[in-house]
Amino acid sequence: MTMKISQKISVKCKKCNKLHDINPEGFSDPEMTSDERSMGYETQYIWEHEFNCDKCNNDLKITIEGYEYPVGILNYQEFNSEGCLIVNEPSLEINNEDYEND
């Protein structure tokens, strides 16, 4: 994997306003898809994290999308939430160590 979430995310429950911090390790491995474009492959990474508010049991979901294009460059990122508001956006970064030995 060449893209990762590099800092914690803070969200606030829309029902009770409880603040939740989610560490990058709380997300499972991303779904990845690649398509060939003019400057090489574009890779899309999608992370999802679903959980319940520990105060009111509201369903919370965070979706993080990152696009690597061309290879080694973070081209675009988008963050979506359901049942909560994103207070502290995640940070995505490319692990360029994968390309240093090429």
N, C-alpha and C. Protein backbone atom coordinates (compact mmCIF):
# COMPACT_ATOMS: atom_id res chain seq x y z
N MET A 1 0.85 -1.18 0.00
CA MET A 1 0.00 0.00 0.00
C MET A 1 0.89 1.23 0.00
N THR A 2 0.50 2.23 -0.75
CA THR A 2 1.33 3.42 -0.84
C THR A 2 0.68 4.67 -0.24
N MET A 3 -0.60 4.60 0.11
CA MET A 3 -1.26 5.74 0.75
C MET A 3 -1.72 5.33 2.14
N LYS A 4 -1.64 6.28 3.08
CA LYS A 4 -2.08 5.97 4.44
C LYS A 4 -2.71 7.19 5.09
N ILE A 5 -3.51 6.91 6.12
CA ILE A 5 -4.07 7.96 6.96
C ILE A 5 -3.01 8.26 8.01
N SER A 6 -2.59 9.52 8.12
CA SER A 6 -1.43 9.81 8.96
C SER A 6 -1.73 10.53 10.27
N GLN A 7 -2.99 10.85 10.54
CA GLN A 7 -3.29 11.47 11.84
C GLN A 7 -4.71 11.11 12.26
N LYS A 8 -4.98 11.26 13.55
CA LYS A 8 -6.30 10.91 14.06
C LYS A 8 -7.37 11.84 13.50
N ILE A 9 -8.59 11.34 13.52
CA ILE A 9 -9.76 12.06 13.03
C ILE A 9 -10.67 12.29 14.22
N SER A 10 -11.24 13.47 14.31
CA SER A 10 -12.22 13.77 15.36
C SER A 10 -13.57 14.01 14.71
N VAL A 11 -14.59 13.36 15.27
CA VAL A 11 -15.96 13.55 14.79
C VAL A 11 -16.87 13.83 15.97
N LYS A 12 -17.98 14.54 15.69
CA LYS A 12 -18.95 14.86 16.73
C LYS A 12 -20.29 14.26 16.33
N CYS A 13 -20.88 13.49 17.24
CA CYS A 13 -22.18 12.87 17.01
C CYS A 13 -23.22 13.96 16.76
N LYS A 14 -24.05 13.78 15.73
CA LYS A 14 -25.09 14.76 15.41
C LYS A 14 -26.26 14.72 16.40
N LYS A 15 -26.42 13.61 17.12
CA LYS A 15 -27.54 13.51 18.07
C LYS A 15 -27.21 14.12 19.43
N CYS A 16 -26.04 13.77 19.98
CA CYS A 16 -25.75 14.18 21.36
C CYS A 16 -24.51 15.08 21.48
N ASN A 17 -23.81 15.35 20.37
CA ASN A 17 -22.61 16.19 20.34
C ASN A 17 -21.39 15.58 21.02
N LYS A 18 -21.42 14.29 21.31
CA LYS A 18 -20.25 13.62 21.91
C LYS A 18 -19.11 13.60 20.90
N LEU A 19 -17.91 13.96 21.35
CA LEU A 19 -16.73 13.98 20.51
C LEU A 19 -16.06 12.61 20.54
N HIS A 20 -15.68 12.11 19.37
CA HIS A 20 -14.99 10.82 19.24
C HIS A 20 -13.70 11.03 18.46
N ASP A 21 -12.59 10.48 18.97
CA ASP A 21 -11.32 10.49 18.26
C ASP A 21 -11.08 9.10 17.69
N ILE A 22 -10.69 9.04 16.43
CA ILE A 22 -10.42 7.76 15.77
C ILE A 22 -8.99 7.78 15.27
N ASN A 23 -8.19 6.86 15.75
CA ASN A 23 -6.82 6.73 15.29
C ASN A 23 -6.79 6.04 13.94
N PRO A 24 -5.77 6.31 13.12
CA PRO A 24 -5.68 5.66 11.81
C PRO A 24 -5.75 4.13 11.89
N GLU A 25 -5.25 3.57 12.98
CA GLU A 25 -5.27 2.12 13.14
C GLU A 25 -6.70 1.58 13.28
N GLY A 26 -7.66 2.46 13.59
CA GLY A 26 -9.06 2.05 13.72
C GLY A 26 -9.71 1.73 12.39
N PHE A 27 -9.08 2.13 11.30
CA PHE A 27 -9.59 1.85 9.96
C PHE A 27 -8.99 0.55 9.44
N SER A 28 -9.79 -0.24 8.75
CA SER A 28 -9.26 -1.44 8.12
C SER A 28 -8.49 -1.03 6.86
N ASP A 29 -7.86 -2.00 6.21
CA ASP A 29 -7.14 -1.71 4.98
C ASP A 29 -8.10 -1.14 3.94
N PRO A 30 -7.61 -0.22 3.11
CA PRO A 30 -8.51 0.41 2.14
C PRO A 30 -8.86 -0.51 0.97
N GLU A 31 -10.03 -0.25 0.39
CA GLU A 31 -10.35 -0.84 -0.91
C GLU A 31 -9.55 -0.05 -1.93
N MET A 32 -8.97 -0.75 -2.90
CA MET A 32 -8.15 -0.07 -3.90
C MET A 32 -8.61 -0.45 -5.30
N THR A 33 -8.70 0.54 -6.18
CA THR A 33 -8.96 0.30 -7.59
C THR A 33 -7.98 1.15 -8.40
N SER A 34 -7.57 0.64 -9.56
CA SER A 34 -6.63 1.36 -10.42
C SER A 34 -7.14 1.38 -11.85
N ASP A 35 -6.90 2.50 -12.50
CA ASP A 35 -7.20 2.66 -13.92
C ASP A 35 -6.01 3.32 -14.59
N GLU A 36 -5.70 2.86 -15.80
CA GLU A 36 -4.59 3.45 -16.53
C GLU A 36 -5.05 4.76 -17.17
N ARG A 37 -4.20 5.79 -17.01
CA ARG A 37 -4.47 7.10 -17.60
C ARG A 37 -3.23 7.55 -18.37
N SER A 38 -3.22 8.76 -18.86
CA SER A 38 -2.13 9.22 -19.72
C SER A 38 -0.76 9.26 -19.04
N MET A 39 -0.72 9.53 -17.73
CA MET A 39 0.57 9.60 -17.01
C MET A 39 0.78 8.38 -16.11
N GLY A 40 0.19 7.25 -16.47
CA GLY A 40 0.34 6.04 -15.67
C GLY A 40 -0.96 5.70 -14.97
N TYR A 41 -0.85 4.94 -13.92
CA TYR A 41 -2.04 4.47 -13.21
C TYR A 41 -2.53 5.49 -12.19
N GLU A 42 -3.85 5.63 -12.11
CA GLU A 42 -4.50 6.37 -11.04
C GLU A 42 -5.06 5.32 -10.08
N THR A 43 -4.72 5.43 -8.80
CA THR A 43 -5.22 4.48 -7.81
C THR A 43 -6.11 5.21 -6.82
N GLN A 44 -7.29 4.65 -6.62
CA GLN A 44 -8.25 5.19 -5.65
C GLN A 44 -8.20 4.31 -4.40
N TYR A 45 -8.11 4.95 -3.24
CA TYR A 45 -8.12 4.27 -1.95
C TYR A 45 -9.37 4.71 -1.21
N ILE A 46 -10.12 3.75 -0.65
CA ILE A 46 -11.32 4.07 0.12
C ILE A 46 -11.25 3.36 1.46
N TRP A 47 -11.30 4.15 2.53
CA TRP A 47 -11.38 3.63 3.89
C TRP A 47 -12.77 3.92 4.44
N GLU A 48 -13.34 2.96 5.15
CA GLU A 48 -14.62 3.19 5.83
C GLU A 48 -14.50 2.73 7.27
N HIS A 49 -15.16 3.47 8.14
CA HIS A 49 -15.19 3.11 9.57
C HIS A 49 -16.60 3.37 10.08
N GLU A 50 -17.23 2.32 10.58
CA GLU A 50 -18.58 2.43 11.14
C GLU A 50 -18.53 2.04 12.61
N PHE A 51 -19.25 2.80 13.43
CA PHE A 51 -19.31 2.50 14.86
C PHE A 51 -20.52 3.20 15.45
N ASN A 52 -20.80 2.92 16.69
CA ASN A 52 -21.92 3.55 17.39
C ASN A 52 -21.38 4.52 18.43
N CYS A 53 -22.07 5.63 18.58
CA CYS A 53 -21.73 6.59 19.62
C CYS A 53 -21.86 5.89 20.97
N ASP A 54 -20.84 6.02 21.80
CA ASP A 54 -20.89 5.33 23.09
C ASP A 54 -21.74 6.07 24.13
N LYS A 55 -22.30 7.22 23.74
CA LYS A 55 -23.19 7.95 24.65
C LYS A 55 -24.67 7.71 24.30
N CYS A 56 -25.02 7.82 22.99
CA CYS A 56 -26.43 7.71 22.59
C CYS A 56 -26.71 6.56 21.63
N ASN A 57 -25.68 5.81 21.25
CA ASN A 57 -25.79 4.64 20.37
C ASN A 57 -26.16 5.01 18.92
N ASN A 58 -26.01 6.25 18.53
CA ASN A 58 -26.26 6.68 17.16
C ASN A 58 -25.29 5.98 16.21
N ASP A 59 -25.76 5.60 15.01
CA ASP A 59 -24.90 4.99 14.00
C ASP A 59 -24.03 6.07 13.36
N LEU A 60 -22.72 5.87 13.36
CA LEU A 60 -21.77 6.82 12.80
C LEU A 60 -20.94 6.13 11.72
N LYS A 61 -20.68 6.84 10.64
CA LYS A 61 -19.89 6.28 9.55
C LYS A 61 -19.01 7.37 8.95
N ILE A 62 -17.76 7.02 8.70
CA ILE A 62 -16.80 7.92 8.08
C ILE A 62 -16.25 7.23 6.84
N THR A 63 -16.21 7.95 5.73
CA THR A 63 -15.62 7.43 4.49
C THR A 63 -14.54 8.40 4.05
N ILE A 64 -13.35 7.85 3.80
CA ILE A 64 -12.21 8.65 3.36
C ILE A 64 -11.78 8.12 1.99
N GLU A 65 -11.66 9.03 1.02
CA GLU A 65 -11.21 8.65 -0.31
C GLU A 65 -9.95 9.44 -0.65
N GLY A 66 -8.97 8.75 -1.20
CA GLY A 66 -7.76 9.40 -1.68
C GLY A 66 -7.40 8.87 -3.05
N TYR A 67 -6.91 9.75 -3.90
CA TYR A 67 -6.51 9.37 -5.26
C TYR A 67 -5.03 9.65 -5.45
N GLU A 68 -4.32 8.65 -5.91
CA GLU A 68 -2.89 8.78 -6.21
C GLU A 68 -2.75 8.82 -7.73
N TYR A 69 -2.31 9.99 -8.25
CA TYR A 69 -2.11 10.13 -9.69
C TYR A 69 -1.33 11.40 -9.96
N PRO A 70 -0.25 11.30 -10.73
CA PRO A 70 0.39 10.05 -11.14
C PRO A 70 0.96 9.31 -9.94
N VAL A 71 1.58 8.18 -10.20
CA VAL A 71 2.12 7.35 -9.13
C VAL A 71 3.01 8.19 -8.22
N GLY A 72 2.77 8.10 -6.91
CA GLY A 72 3.57 8.82 -5.93
C GLY A 72 3.07 10.20 -5.56
N ILE A 73 1.95 10.64 -6.17
CA ILE A 73 1.42 11.99 -5.91
C ILE A 73 -0.02 11.88 -5.40
N LEU A 74 -0.30 12.53 -4.26
CA LEU A 74 -1.67 12.63 -3.76
C LEU A 74 -2.37 13.68 -4.60
N ASN A 75 -3.33 13.24 -5.42
CA ASN A 75 -3.99 14.12 -6.38
C ASN A 75 -5.27 14.73 -5.83
N TYR A 76 -6.02 13.96 -5.03
CA TYR A 76 -7.33 14.43 -4.57
C TYR A 76 -7.72 13.64 -3.33
N GLN A 77 -8.44 14.28 -2.42
CA GLN A 77 -8.96 13.59 -1.24
C GLN A 77 -10.34 14.13 -0.90
N GLU A 78 -11.17 13.26 -0.34
CA GLU A 78 -12.53 13.64 0.02
C GLU A 78 -12.93 12.89 1.28
N PHE A 79 -13.67 13.57 2.16
CA PHE A 79 -14.09 12.99 3.43
C PHE A 79 -15.60 13.14 3.57
N ASN A 80 -16.29 12.06 3.90
CA ASN A 80 -17.74 12.08 4.08
C ASN A 80 -18.09 11.43 5.40
N SER A 81 -19.23 11.85 5.96
CA SER A 81 -19.67 11.28 7.24
C SER A 81 -21.18 11.14 7.25
N GLU A 82 -21.65 10.18 8.02
CA GLU A 82 -23.07 9.97 8.25
C GLU A 82 -23.29 9.86 9.75
N GLY A 83 -24.24 10.62 10.27
CA GLY A 83 -24.55 10.59 11.69
C GLY A 83 -23.61 11.40 12.56
N CYS A 84 -22.61 12.01 11.94
CA CYS A 84 -21.62 12.79 12.68
C CYS A 84 -21.06 13.89 11.80
N LEU A 85 -20.40 14.84 12.43
CA LEU A 85 -19.70 15.92 11.74
C LEU A 85 -18.20 15.72 11.93
N ILE A 86 -17.44 15.90 10.87
CA ILE A 86 -15.98 15.79 10.98
C ILE A 86 -15.46 17.10 11.55
N VAL A 87 -14.82 17.03 12.72
CA VAL A 87 -14.29 18.19 13.41
C VAL A 87 -12.82 18.40 13.04
N ASN A 88 -12.06 17.32 13.01
CA ASN A 88 -10.65 17.35 12.65
C ASN A 88 -10.46 16.40 11.47
N GLU A 89 -10.26 16.97 10.27
CA GLU A 89 -10.14 16.14 9.08
C GLU A 89 -8.90 15.27 9.13
N PRO A 90 -9.01 14.11 8.51
CA PRO A 90 -7.83 13.24 8.44
C PRO A 90 -6.79 13.84 7.50
N SER A 91 -5.60 13.33 7.60
CA SER A 91 -4.53 13.72 6.70
C SER A 91 -4.07 12.46 5.99
N LEU A 92 -3.97 12.53 4.67
CA LEU A 92 -3.50 11.40 3.88
C LEU A 92 -2.10 11.71 3.39
N GLU A 93 -1.28 10.68 3.30
CA GLU A 93 0.05 10.87 2.74
C GLU A 93 0.46 9.65 1.93
N ILE A 94 1.33 9.89 0.98
CA ILE A 94 1.87 8.84 0.12
C ILE A 94 3.16 8.33 0.74
N ASN A 95 3.30 7.02 0.80
CA ASN A 95 4.53 6.40 1.28
C ASN A 95 5.46 6.25 0.08
N ASN A 96 6.32 7.24 -0.14
CA ASN A 96 7.21 7.23 -1.30
C ASN A 96 8.37 6.26 -1.16
N GLU A 97 8.56 5.66 0.01
CA GLU A 97 9.62 4.67 0.18
C GLU A 97 9.45 3.51 -0.79
N ASP A 98 8.21 3.24 -1.20
CA ASP A 98 7.96 2.16 -2.15
C ASP A 98 8.64 2.42 -3.49
N TYR A 99 8.93 3.69 -3.80
CA TYR A 99 9.48 4.04 -5.11
C TYR A 99 10.97 4.38 -5.06
N GLU A 100 11.56 4.47 -3.89
CA GLU A 100 12.95 4.89 -3.78
C GLU A 100 13.93 3.87 -4.33
N ASN A 101 13.57 2.60 -4.35
CA ASN A 101 14.49 1.56 -4.81
C ASN A 101 14.29 1.20 -6.28
N ASP A 102 13.44 1.93 -6.97
CA ASP A 102 13.19 1.62 -8.39
C ASP A 102 14.32 2.12 -9.27
